Amino acid sequence: MHKYKFGTKEDDMSSEISRPIFVGGEWVHCDQRLKVTNPANGEVVAETSLAGPDEYERAVAAALAIKPQLSALASSERSAILRRVEAG
């Protein structure tokens, strides 16, 4: 399995790609999976991580912990952080 990168050829929806979720500063692969289908023909085009209660709690805790620091940043600075996350 390769490292997922948004907006690249690796993001090709025509192949099954395991899509992790980003929680607390790291990519997390969940035990549960969700198959993504093309509504036009029902073909499975990807598979993604499906967050469960543990991942949900971890994500909420991480978001609440970082909220004060992020709130103090300009939107352009927050955008730059997201772009760095996206780049891996």
Protein backbone atom coordinates (compact mmCIF):
# COMPACT_ATOMS: atom_id res chain seq x y z
CA MET A 1 0.00 0.00 0.00
CA HIS A 2 1.42 3.39 -0.96
CA LYS A 3 1.29 6.66 0.93
CA TYR A 4 -1.81 8.55 -0.10
CA LYS A 5 -1.27 11.95 -1.72
CA PHE A 6 -4.16 14.18 -2.67
CA GLY A 7 -4.30 15.70 -6.14
CA THR A 8 -1.77 13.38 -7.74
CA LYS A 9 -1.96 10.40 -10.02
CA GLU A 10 -2.10 8.34 -6.82
CA ASP A 11 -5.47 10.01 -6.25
CA ASP A 12 -6.86 8.23 -9.33
CA MET A 13 -10.38 7.11 -8.43
CA SER A 14 -10.32 4.41 -11.08
CA SER A 15 -8.29 2.13 -8.81
CA GLU A 16 -8.92 0.91 -5.31
CA ILE A 17 -6.98 3.12 -2.92
CA SER A 18 -6.97 2.74 0.81
CA ARG A 19 -7.75 6.22 2.07
CA PRO A 20 -6.65 6.97 5.61
CA ILE A 21 -8.03 9.66 7.86
CA PHE A 22 -5.88 12.41 9.38
CA VAL A 23 -6.25 12.51 13.17
CA GLY A 24 -4.09 14.31 15.70
CA GLY A 25 -1.24 14.96 13.29
CA GLU A 26 -0.98 11.52 11.71
CA TRP A 27 -2.61 9.40 9.03
CA VAL A 28 -4.72 6.62 10.57
CA HIS A 29 -5.97 3.49 8.86
CA CYS A 30 -9.14 2.28 10.54
CA ASP A 31 -10.21 -1.32 10.97
CA GLN A 32 -13.54 -0.63 9.29
CA ARG A 33 -13.65 0.07 5.56
CA LEU A 34 -16.20 1.73 3.31
CA LYS A 35 -16.41 0.89 -0.37
CA VAL A 36 -16.97 3.91 -2.61
CA THR A 37 -19.01 3.15 -5.68
CA ASN A 38 -19.63 4.92 -8.95
CA PRO A 39 -23.36 5.75 -8.85
CA ALA A 40 -23.62 5.45 -12.62
CA ASN A 41 -22.67 1.79 -12.75
CA GLY A 42 -22.24 0.55 -9.16
CA GLU A 43 -18.54 -0.23 -9.71
CA VAL A 44 -16.34 -0.01 -6.62
CA VAL A 45 -13.84 2.76 -7.39
CA ALA A 46 -12.12 3.12 -4.02
CA GLU A 47 -12.06 1.95 -0.47
CA THR A 48 -11.75 4.36 2.44
CA SER A 49 -11.20 4.18 6.16
CA LEU A 50 -14.40 4.38 8.16
CA ALA A 51 -13.89 6.07 11.51
CA GLY A 52 -15.38 4.35 14.50
CA PRO A 53 -16.02 5.66 18.02
CA ASP A 54 -12.33 5.49 19.01
CA GLU A 55 -11.19 7.51 15.97
CA TYR A 56 -14.06 9.95 16.51
CA GLU A 57 -13.10 10.57 20.14
CA ARG A 58 -9.44 10.97 19.18
CA ALA A 59 -10.32 13.46 16.41
CA VAL A 60 -12.54 15.56 18.66
CA ALA A 61 -9.89 15.63 21.41
CA ALA A 62 -7.19 16.64 18.91
CA ALA A 63 -9.39 19.38 17.42
CA LEU A 64 -10.26 20.83 20.82
CA ALA A 65 -6.62 20.75 21.90
CA ILE A 66 -5.39 22.71 18.87
CA LYS A 67 -8.35 25.13 18.60
CA PRO A 68 -6.80 27.97 20.67
CA GLN A 69 -3.59 27.95 18.62
CA LEU A 70 -5.38 27.75 15.27
CA SER A 71 -7.84 30.49 16.24
CA ALA A 72 -4.92 32.85 16.76
CA LEU A 73 -3.64 32.31 13.20
CA ALA A 74 -4.69 34.19 10.09
CA SER A 75 -6.69 32.16 7.57
CA SER A 76 -3.73 32.20 5.17
CA GLU A 77 -1.56 30.60 7.86
CA ARG A 78 -4.18 27.91 8.55
CA SER A 79 -4.40 27.27 4.81
CA ALA A 80 -0.62 26.85 4.61
CA ILE A 81 -0.78 24.24 7.38
CA LEU A 82 -3.43 22.27 5.50
CA ARG A 83 -1.37 22.41 2.33
CA ARG A 84 1.65 20.98 4.19
CA VAL A 85 -0.53 18.17 5.55
CA GLU A 86 -1.81 17.47 2.05
CA ALA A 87 1.73 17.32 0.69
CA GLY A 88 2.63 14.67 3.27
